[in-house]
């Protein structure tokens, strides 16, 4: 099989060895591109149908993908010559089809697509690819946390449905991840929940069949995810081109920092796991670079747009040791660390205290990388992902309560807030697990 491919690539290399393509050569290439477009549409329909369970997923050795595989083999052979790569990079519909096949094709088609992308992407401009993928703009090349603070507009609203330049590749990693979620809150700890992206119905219009992120659906083989991780890492290290290295690093940083921009209403565990933002951030942690660790971590509080550091960080009044750092201001109890905040507000009489997480603490982020395992810590969440095992863990911390709203009930086990249903009259939500905990827990909580 490899010998046939080498011979085919050698023959195409001879045919396309000139400095530019002849009219006949362009016609041959045009027929190949049109053939791939038709096959891509057909495979997409079969993939959509398999997601609904109407038809089985195409197997590795299915005859149905044979024609598309042969067409891609010719494209791969064509990409072996410089003039061929330049021509293919200018075929915008073909690039669009390649990214579609990356998610909908059989494993052997996906392998062919990755091989073609490795050769063609260096010839394609990031801005051009952004246009093809309907990405509104490229990430800023300067992505350090201080420069981000100086650019941010307080009135700007983060759009969870806005796609990024690398999202279509990061989604391949996200669909292969197994994620464990747990909640760090007062009272008994809720059990660890394990999930995959295909099991989690994304609450996003962009992830629908007609949305800009339709490829967030379905599954991805772990071997294929590892190939994508390798591709992105090579892009970031400059093996494709220096232009792509800059854009790739910035895009990975953008996906990680997106977690800090999520609205408070989607930071609750049940809502957050249904956002594309969380899954793409976890995927980005699998391709983290040491440069990201140094430039994304905010070591001190940034108190002004020009990056100047302000007053010293306050310490916990309850510890009263002058060392334990505070993260929350309570109008009744003073400055508190996370543990004291949970403990002092366990009694029912203290739950309506006005509490506000420090603005500087909300904006703080810590990024780590250790032996292929990336980790990011925010005041409300800690997430880590291991690129070798494709396993991830997300720990949600008890969310901030900036105001004490009358009638707003909080589940004592999972932290869900609501002023309707069971939480309107008690402190246990309708979740079956929480109801089970309530049967054996102390009722004086």
Protein backbone atom coordinates (compact mmCIF):
# COMPACT_ATOMS: atom_id res chain seq x y z
CA UNK A 1 0.00 0.00 0.00
CA UNK A 2 2.82 2.41 0.91
CA UNK A 3 4.65 1.44 -2.28
CA UNK A 4 1.59 2.29 -4.38
CA UNK A 5 1.32 5.67 -2.69
CA UNK A 6 5.02 6.43 -3.21
CA UNK A 7 4.74 5.51 -6.90
CA UNK A 8 1.62 7.65 -7.29
CA UNK A 9 3.33 10.59 -5.57
CA UNK A 10 6.41 10.16 -7.78
CA UNK A 11 4.28 10.14 -10.95
CA UNK A 12 2.33 13.21 -9.89
CA UNK A 13 5.61 14.89 -8.98
CA UNK A 14 6.84 14.36 -12.52
CA UNK A 15 3.56 15.63 -14.02
CA UNK A 16 3.57 18.75 -11.87
CA UNK A 17 7.29 19.46 -11.77
CA UNK A 18 7.04 22.66 -13.79
CA UNK A 19 6.97 26.12 -12.27
CA UNK A 20 3.29 26.54 -13.08
CA UNK A 21 0.34 24.38 -14.08
CA UNK A 22 -0.82 24.04 -17.67
CA UNK A 23 -4.47 24.43 -18.64
CA UNK A 24 -4.90 20.64 -18.87
CA UNK A 25 -3.31 20.11 -15.44
CA UNK A 26 -5.63 22.71 -13.91
CA UNK A 27 -8.63 20.92 -15.45
CA UNK A 28 -7.52 17.60 -13.91
CA UNK A 29 -7.09 19.26 -10.51
CA UNK A 30 -10.46 20.96 -10.86
CA UNK A 31 -12.17 17.61 -11.46
CA UNK A 32 -10.48 16.17 -8.36
CA UNK A 33 -11.59 19.13 -6.22
CA UNK A 34 -15.18 18.90 -7.53
CA UNK A 35 -15.21 15.16 -6.87
CA UNK A 36 -14.09 15.69 -3.27
CA UNK A 37 -16.80 18.34 -2.81
CA UNK A 38 -19.53 15.85 -3.85
CA UNK A 39 -18.09 13.09 -1.68
CA UNK A 40 -17.76 15.44 1.29
CA UNK A 41 -21.44 16.37 1.04
CA UNK A 42 -22.45 12.71 0.85
CA UNK A 43 -20.26 11.69 3.80
CA UNK A 44 -21.57 14.65 5.84
CA UNK A 45 -25.16 13.48 5.27
CA UNK A 46 -24.27 9.93 6.32
CA UNK A 47 -22.48 11.29 9.40
CA UNK A 48 -25.48 13.44 10.39
CA UNK A 49 -27.73 10.42 9.95
CA UNK A 50 -25.45 8.25 12.12
CA UNK A 51 -25.63 10.83 14.94
CA UNK A 52 -29.40 10.41 15.09
CA UNK A 53 -29.06 6.61 15.01
CA UNK A 54 -30.80 6.23 11.67
CA UNK A 55 -27.76 4.65 9.99
CA UNK A 56 -24.62 2.97 11.36
CA UNK A 57 -21.30 4.81 11.35
CA UNK A 58 -19.07 4.12 8.33
CA UNK A 59 -16.43 1.54 9.17
CA UNK A 60 -12.70 1.71 8.41
CA UNK A 61 -12.92 -0.73 5.49
CA UNK A 62 -16.23 0.50 4.09
CA UNK A 63 -16.45 0.56 0.29
CA UNK A 64 -18.53 3.73 0.57
CA UNK A 65 -15.46 5.84 1.32
CA UNK A 66 -13.20 4.20 -1.31
CA UNK A 67 -13.73 6.86 -4.00
CA UNK A 68 -13.16 9.75 -1.60
CA UNK A 69 -10.06 8.02 -0.24
CA UNK A 70 -8.61 7.67 -3.74
CA UNK A 71 -9.32 11.32 -4.54
CA UNK A 72 -7.58 12.38 -1.33
CA UNK A 73 -4.64 10.12 -2.21
CA UNK A 74 -4.26 12.07 -5.46
CA UNK A 75 -4.47 15.37 -3.55
CA UNK A 76 -1.81 14.12 -1.11
CA UNK A 77 0.40 13.13 -4.04
CA UNK A 78 -0.18 16.52 -5.67
CA UNK A 79 0.87 18.23 -2.43
CA UNK A 80 4.25 16.57 -2.78
CA UNK A 81 5.38 19.26 -5.22
CA UNK A 82 5.81 22.95 -4.50
CA UNK A 83 3.60 24.08 -7.37
CA UNK A 84 0.96 21.56 -6.25
CA UNK A 85 0.93 22.86 -2.67
CA UNK A 86 0.59 26.43 -3.88
CA UNK A 87 -2.34 25.48 -6.13
CA UNK A 88 -4.12 23.50 -3.39
CA UNK A 89 -3.76 26.34 -0.88
CA UNK A 90 -5.70 28.56 -3.30
CA UNK A 91 -8.61 26.10 -3.58
CA UNK A 92 -10.77 27.51 -0.80
CA UNK A 93 -13.70 25.07 -1.24
CA UNK A 94 -11.21 22.19 -0.97
CA UNK A 95 -9.83 23.51 2.34
CA UNK A 96 -13.38 23.81 3.64
CA UNK A 97 -14.08 20.21 2.62
CA UNK A 98 -10.88 18.95 4.25
CA UNK A 99 -11.91 20.33 7.64
CA UNK A 100 -15.37 18.82 7.18
CA UNK A 101 -13.91 15.39 6.37
CA UNK A 102 -11.64 15.70 9.40
CA UNK A 103 -14.75 15.29 11.56
CA UNK A 104 -17.07 13.22 9.37
CA UNK A 105 -14.77 10.85 7.47
CA UNK A 106 -13.63 7.34 8.33
CA UNK A 107 -10.29 7.00 10.18
CA UNK A 108 -8.32 6.43 6.99
CA UNK A 109 -9.85 9.52 5.38
CA UNK A 110 -9.07 11.52 8.51
CA UNK A 111 -5.44 10.36 8.36
CA UNK A 112 -5.22 11.47 4.73
CA UNK A 113 -6.70 14.87 5.60
CA UNK A 114 -4.16 15.46 8.40
CA UNK A 115 -1.32 14.58 6.03
CA UNK A 116 -2.63 17.01 3.40
CA UNK A 117 -3.11 19.79 5.98
CA UNK A 118 0.49 19.40 7.16
CA UNK A 119 1.66 20.14 3.62
CA UNK A 120 -0.87 22.74 2.55
CA UNK A 121 -1.29 24.91 5.68
CA UNK A 122 2.21 26.49 5.37
CA UNK A 123 1.09 27.87 1.99
CA UNK A 124 -2.26 29.15 3.31
CA UNK A 125 -2.48 32.49 5.11
CA UNK A 126 -4.19 32.40 8.55
CA UNK A 127 -6.43 35.32 7.57
CA UNK A 128 -7.57 33.41 4.48
CA UNK A 129 -8.32 30.30 6.51
CA UNK A 130 -10.25 32.40 9.04
CA UNK A 131 -12.46 33.63 6.21
CA UNK A 132 -13.01 30.06 4.95
CA UNK A 133 -13.99 28.85 8.45
CA UNK A 134 -16.24 31.89 9.13
CA UNK A 135 -13.99 33.08 11.95
CA UNK A 136 -14.55 36.86 12.42
CA UNK A 137 -10.96 37.73 13.39
CA UNK A 138 -7.60 36.30 14.37
CA UNK A 139 -6.49 36.25 18.03
CA UNK A 140 -4.18 39.11 19.12
CA UNK A 141 -0.54 38.07 18.72
CA UNK A 142 0.35 39.58 22.12
CA UNK A 143 -1.54 37.39 24.57
CA UNK A 144 0.11 38.01 27.95
CA UNK A 145 -2.30 38.61 30.85
CA UNK A 146 -1.05 42.19 31.35
CA UNK A 147 -1.56 43.18 27.70
CA UNK A 148 -5.01 41.57 27.85
CA UNK A 149 -5.94 43.77 30.82
CA UNK A 150 -4.88 46.87 28.92
CA UNK A 151 -7.03 45.93 25.90
CA UNK A 152 -10.20 44.83 27.66
CA UNK A 153 -13.32 46.89 27.29
CA UNK A 154 -15.50 46.62 30.38
CA UNK A 155 -18.63 46.99 28.27
CA UNK A 156 -17.62 44.21 25.88
CA UNK A 157 -19.76 41.07 26.23
CA UNK A 158 -18.08 37.70 25.62
CA UNK A 159 -19.84 35.64 22.94
CA UNK A 160 -19.60 31.90 23.67
CA UNK A 161 -20.70 31.15 20.10
CA UNK A 162 -17.87 33.10 18.45
CA UNK A 163 -15.52 30.58 16.77
CA UNK A 164 -11.73 30.78 16.92
CA UNK A 165 -9.20 29.99 14.19
CA UNK A 166 -8.12 26.67 15.79
CA UNK A 167 -11.49 25.58 17.18
CA UNK A 168 -12.06 23.10 14.33
CA UNK A 169 -8.79 21.34 15.30
CA UNK A 170 -9.18 21.69 19.08
CA UNK A 171 -12.63 20.10 18.80
CA UNK A 172 -10.96 16.88 17.59
CA UNK A 173 -9.11 16.70 20.91
CA UNK A 174 -12.19 17.68 22.92
CA UNK A 175 -14.25 14.87 21.41
CA UNK A 176 -11.67 12.31 22.55
CA UNK A 177 -11.41 13.58 26.15
CA UNK A 178 -12.92 11.83 29.15
CA UNK A 179 -13.70 14.52 31.72
CA UNK A 180 -14.36 14.09 35.43
CA UNK A 181 -16.21 16.90 37.16
CA UNK A 182 -16.62 17.50 40.87
CA UNK A 183 -17.84 20.33 43.04
CA UNK A 184 -15.91 21.74 45.97
CA UNK A 185 -18.58 23.18 48.21
CA UNK A 186 -19.73 23.23 51.81
CA UNK A 187 -21.44 20.16 53.16
CA UNK A 188 -21.04 16.59 51.84
CA UNK A 189 -19.05 16.38 48.62
CA UNK A 190 -21.09 15.44 45.60
CA UNK A 191 -19.78 12.36 43.78
CA UNK A 192 -17.43 12.64 40.83
CA UNK A 193 -19.18 12.64 37.46
CA UNK A 194 -17.45 11.34 34.33
CA UNK A 195 -18.53 12.45 30.87
CA UNK A 196 -17.48 12.89 27.24
CA UNK A 197 -18.43 15.63 24.81
CA UNK A 198 -20.74 13.30 22.85
CA UNK A 199 -22.67 12.52 26.05
CA UNK A 200 -23.05 16.20 26.90
CA UNK A 201 -25.68 18.07 24.90
CA UNK A 202 -24.06 21.43 24.28
CA UNK A 203 -26.33 24.34 25.10
CA UNK A 204 -25.14 26.37 22.13
CA UNK A 205 -26.81 27.29 18.86
CA UNK A 206 -23.40 27.24 17.15
CA UNK A 207 -23.06 23.51 17.91
CA UNK A 208 -26.30 22.66 16.11
CA UNK A 209 -26.33 20.89 12.73
CA UNK A 210 -26.46 24.25 10.94
CA UNK A 211 -24.30 26.26 13.36
CA UNK A 212 -20.73 27.47 12.84
CA UNK A 213 -19.48 24.80 15.27
CA UNK A 214 -21.48 21.83 13.96
CA UNK A 215 -18.30 19.73 14.23
CA UNK A 216 -18.49 19.88 18.05
CA UNK A 217 -20.86 16.91 17.81
CA UNK A 218 -19.93 13.25 17.41
CA UNK A 219 -16.90 11.31 18.63
CA UNK A 220 -13.19 11.18 17.77
CA UNK A 221 -10.77 8.28 18.00
CA UNK A 222 -7.96 8.80 20.53
CA UNK A 223 -5.30 7.94 17.92
CA UNK A 224 -6.67 10.70 15.69
CA UNK A 225 -6.73 13.16 18.60
CA UNK A 226 -3.06 12.42 19.24
CA UNK A 227 -2.26 13.19 15.59
CA UNK A 228 -4.06 16.53 15.95
CA UNK A 229 -2.15 17.28 19.18
CA UNK A 230 1.08 16.58 17.30
CA UNK A 231 -0.03 18.81 14.40
CA UNK A 232 -0.92 21.76 16.66
CA UNK A 233 2.33 21.39 18.62
CA UNK A 234 4.30 21.41 15.36
CA UNK A 235 2.36 24.48 14.23
CA UNK A 236 3.16 26.24 17.50
CA UNK A 237 6.86 25.36 17.33
CA UNK A 238 7.21 26.88 13.86
CA UNK A 239 7.67 23.66 11.86
CA UNK A 240 4.97 24.76 9.39
CA UNK A 241 5.82 28.48 9.30
CA UNK A 242 6.64 31.33 11.69
CA UNK A 243 3.35 33.02 10.83
CA UNK A 244 1.40 29.94 11.88
CA UNK A 245 3.54 29.60 15.03
CA UNK A 246 2.47 33.07 16.22
CA UNK A 247 -1.21 32.52 15.37
CA UNK A 248 -1.31 29.03 16.90
CA UNK A 249 0.16 30.11 20.25
CA UNK A 250 -2.21 33.06 20.39
CA UNK A 251 -5.23 30.88 19.51
CA UNK A 252 -4.39 28.37 22.27
CA UNK A 253 -4.03 31.23 24.76
CA UNK A 254 -7.34 32.72 23.60
CA UNK A 255 -9.16 29.43 24.22
CA UNK A 256 -7.72 29.15 27.74
CA UNK A 257 -8.46 32.78 28.66
CA UNK A 258 -12.04 32.38 27.37
CA UNK A 259 -12.90 30.69 30.69
CA UNK A 260 -12.20 33.94 32.52
CA UNK A 261 -14.76 35.74 30.34
CA UNK A 262 -17.72 33.44 30.97
CA UNK A 263 -20.75 35.17 32.44
CA UNK A 264 -21.62 34.34 36.02
CA UNK A 265 -24.86 32.62 34.93
CA UNK A 266 -22.93 29.94 32.99
CA UNK A 267 -20.30 29.29 35.67
CA UNK A 268 -22.58 26.87 37.51
CA UNK A 269 -21.39 23.27 36.85
CA UNK A 270 -24.53 22.16 35.01
CA UNK A 271 -24.35 25.14 32.64
CA UNK A 272 -20.57 25.31 32.21
CA UNK A 273 -20.14 21.72 30.99
CA UNK A 274 -22.60 22.49 28.19
CA UNK A 275 -20.58 25.39 26.80
CA UNK A 276 -18.12 24.90 23.91
CA UNK A 277 -15.80 27.24 25.85
CA UNK A 278 -15.05 24.68 28.56
CA UNK A 279 -14.33 21.82 26.15
CA UNK A 280 -12.13 23.93 23.88
CA UNK A 281 -10.22 25.22 26.92
CA UNK A 282 -9.56 21.66 28.07
CA UNK A 283 -8.37 20.81 24.56
CA UNK A 284 -6.01 23.78 24.65
CA UNK A 285 -4.49 22.51 27.90
CA UNK A 286 -3.41 19.40 25.95
CA UNK A 287 -1.28 21.56 23.60
CA UNK A 288 -0.01 23.99 26.21
CA UNK A 289 3.44 25.51 25.68
CA UNK A 290 5.88 26.69 28.36
CA UNK A 291 5.55 30.16 26.86
CA UNK A 292 1.85 30.12 27.80
CA UNK A 293 2.71 29.32 31.43
CA UNK A 294 4.97 32.33 31.73
CA UNK A 295 2.76 34.81 29.89
CA UNK A 296 -0.75 33.82 30.99
CA UNK A 297 -0.22 33.49 34.74
CA UNK A 298 -1.05 36.64 36.68
CA UNK A 299 1.37 36.48 39.60
CA UNK A 300 0.03 39.60 41.32
CA UNK A 301 -3.13 41.61 41.26
CA UNK A 302 -3.46 43.88 38.24
CA UNK A 303 -5.37 46.90 39.46
CA UNK A 304 -5.24 49.24 36.47
CA UNK A 305 -5.37 49.01 32.67
CA UNK A 306 -1.71 49.96 32.28
CA UNK A 307 -0.68 46.86 34.26
CA UNK A 308 0.56 48.70 37.37
CA UNK A 309 0.15 46.77 40.62
CA UNK A 310 -1.89 48.38 43.35
CA UNK A 311 -2.29 47.87 47.08
CA UNK A 312 -1.12 44.64 48.82
CA UNK A 313 -3.55 41.74 48.80
CA UNK A 314 -5.73 41.67 51.96
CA UNK A 315 -5.49 38.76 54.40
CA UNK A 316 -8.24 36.73 56.06
CA UNK A 317 -9.73 38.49 59.11
CA UNK A 318 -10.96 35.21 60.57
CA UNK A 319 -7.52 33.55 60.45
CA UNK A 320 -6.03 36.79 61.79
CA UNK A 321 -2.50 35.53 61.13
CA UNK A 322 -1.46 38.20 58.64
CA UNK A 323 -0.59 35.50 56.09
CA UNK A 324 -3.68 33.65 54.83
CA UNK A 325 -4.84 35.49 51.74
CA UNK A 326 -8.47 36.61 51.41
CA UNK A 327 -10.54 36.29 48.25
CA UNK A 328 -13.98 37.48 49.40
CA UNK A 329 -15.29 40.54 51.23
CA UNK A 330 -18.31 39.98 53.47
CA UNK A 331 -20.04 43.10 54.78
CA UNK A 332 -20.62 41.35 58.12
CA UNK A 333 -17.54 39.14 58.58
CA UNK A 334 -14.87 41.15 56.74
CA UNK A 335 -12.17 39.80 54.41
CA UNK A 336 -12.28 35.98 54.21
CA UNK A 337 -10.39 33.14 52.54
CA UNK A 338 -12.39 30.48 50.68
CA UNK A 339 -12.44 27.99 53.59
CA UNK A 340 -13.54 30.56 56.18
CA UNK A 341 -16.17 31.90 53.79
CA UNK A 342 -17.69 28.42 53.48
CA UNK A 343 -17.50 27.70 57.23
CA UNK A 344 -18.85 31.01 58.52
CA UNK A 345 -21.77 31.00 56.09
CA UNK A 346 -22.96 27.46 56.79
CA UNK A 347 -25.55 28.58 59.39
CA UNK A 348 -28.86 29.58 57.86
CA UNK A 349 -28.79 32.95 59.65
CA UNK A 350 -25.54 33.91 57.88
CA UNK A 351 -26.43 32.84 54.33
CA UNK A 352 -27.90 36.20 53.38
CA UNK A 353 -24.72 38.13 54.15
CA UNK A 354 -23.62 40.45 51.35
CA UNK A 355 -20.49 38.82 49.87
CA UNK A 356 -18.35 39.94 46.95
CA UNK A 357 -15.35 38.22 45.41
CA UNK A 358 -12.50 40.71 44.94
CA UNK A 359 -12.41 42.00 41.37
CA UNK A 360 -8.67 41.27 41.22
CA UNK A 361 -9.33 37.69 42.31
CA UNK A 362 -11.94 37.22 39.58
CA UNK A 363 -9.42 38.27 36.95
CA UNK A 364 -6.52 36.22 38.35
CA UNK A 365 -5.43 33.10 36.47
CA UNK A 366 -2.68 30.56 37.09
CA UNK A 367 -1.45 28.27 34.31
CA UNK A 368 0.86 25.27 34.88
CA UNK A 369 2.44 22.61 32.66
CA UNK A 370 3.99 19.41 34.00
CA UNK A 371 4.95 16.39 31.86
CA UNK A 372 2.30 17.01 29.23
CA UNK A 373 -0.43 17.84 31.77
CA UNK A 374 -1.76 21.38 31.52
CA UNK A 375 -3.64 23.07 34.37
CA UNK A 376 -5.43 26.37 34.81
CA UNK A 377 -6.79 27.77 38.09
CA UNK A 378 -9.40 30.49 38.47
CA UNK A 379 -11.17 31.60 41.62
CA UNK A 380 -14.25 29.55 40.68
CA UNK A 381 -12.72 26.63 38.79
CA UNK A 382 -9.65 24.42 38.47
CA UNK A 383 -9.18 22.48 35.21
CA UNK A 384 -6.46 20.13 34.06
CA UNK A 385 -5.97 17.88 31.03
CA UNK A 386 -3.38 15.19 30.29
CA UNK A 387 -2.38 15.02 26.62
CA UNK A 388 -0.97 11.49 27.00
CA UNK A 389 -4.05 9.81 28.50
CA UNK A 390 -6.65 12.24 27.07
CA UNK A 391 -8.23 12.47 30.52
CA UNK A 392 -9.29 15.75 32.09
CA UNK A 393 -10.64 16.93 35.41
CA UNK A 394 -12.67 20.02 36.26
CA UNK A 395 -13.28 21.08 39.86
CA UNK A 396 -15.92 23.72 40.37
CA UNK A 397 -15.68 25.80 43.50
CA UNK A 398 -18.58 27.33 45.36
CA UNK A 399 -19.53 30.29 43.21
CA UNK A 400 -19.43 33.90 44.27
CA UNK A 401 -22.51 35.46 45.78
CA UNK A 402 -22.19 39.14 45.10
CA UNK A 403 -25.59 40.04 46.42
CA UNK A 404 -28.00 38.40 48.79
CA UNK A 405 -31.18 38.10 46.81
CA UNK A 406 -34.34 37.58 48.76
CA UNK A 407 -35.98 34.25 47.99
CA UNK A 408 -32.97 32.83 46.11
CA UNK A 409 -32.45 29.25 47.28
CA UNK A 410 -29.10 27.49 47.14
CA UNK A 411 -28.81 23.69 47.06
CA UNK A 412 -26.69 22.64 50.04
CA UNK A 413 -25.06 19.82 48.05
CA UNK A 414 -24.35 21.03 44.52
CA UNK A 415 -24.63 24.81 44.82
CA UNK A 416 -27.44 25.21 42.26
CA UNK A 417 -29.39 28.44 42.77
CA UNK A 418 -33.04 29.07 41.96
CA UNK A 419 -36.10 30.84 43.33
CA UNK A 420 -38.56 28.31 41.94
CA UNK A 421 -39.43 24.67 42.61
CA UNK A 422 -37.97 22.92 45.65
CA UNK A 423 -35.33 25.61 46.18
CA UNK A 424 -38.08 28.18 46.72
CA UNK A 425 -39.06 26.38 49.93
CA UNK A 426 -35.91 24.48 50.93
CA UNK A 427 -32.20 24.01 50.33
CA UNK A 428 -32.11 20.78 48.28
CA UNK A 429 -32.64 20.79 44.50
CA UNK A 430 -34.48 18.18 42.41
CA UNK A 431 -31.31 16.36 41.31
CA UNK A 432 -31.68 12.65 42.26
CA UNK A 433 -28.18 12.55 43.82
CA UNK A 434 -28.92 15.57 45.99
CA UNK A 435 -32.22 14.03 47.07
CA UNK A 436 -30.39 10.86 48.09
CA UNK A 437 -27.86 12.87 50.12
CA UNK A 438 -30.72 14.73 51.82
CA UNK A 439 -32.16 11.44 53.17
CA UNK A 440 -29.06 10.78 55.29
CA UNK A 441 -27.75 14.31 55.93
CA UNK A 442 -28.31 16.36 59.07
CA UNK A 443 -31.49 18.44 58.72
CA UNK A 444 -30.08 21.26 60.89
CA UNK A 445 -27.69 22.34 58.13
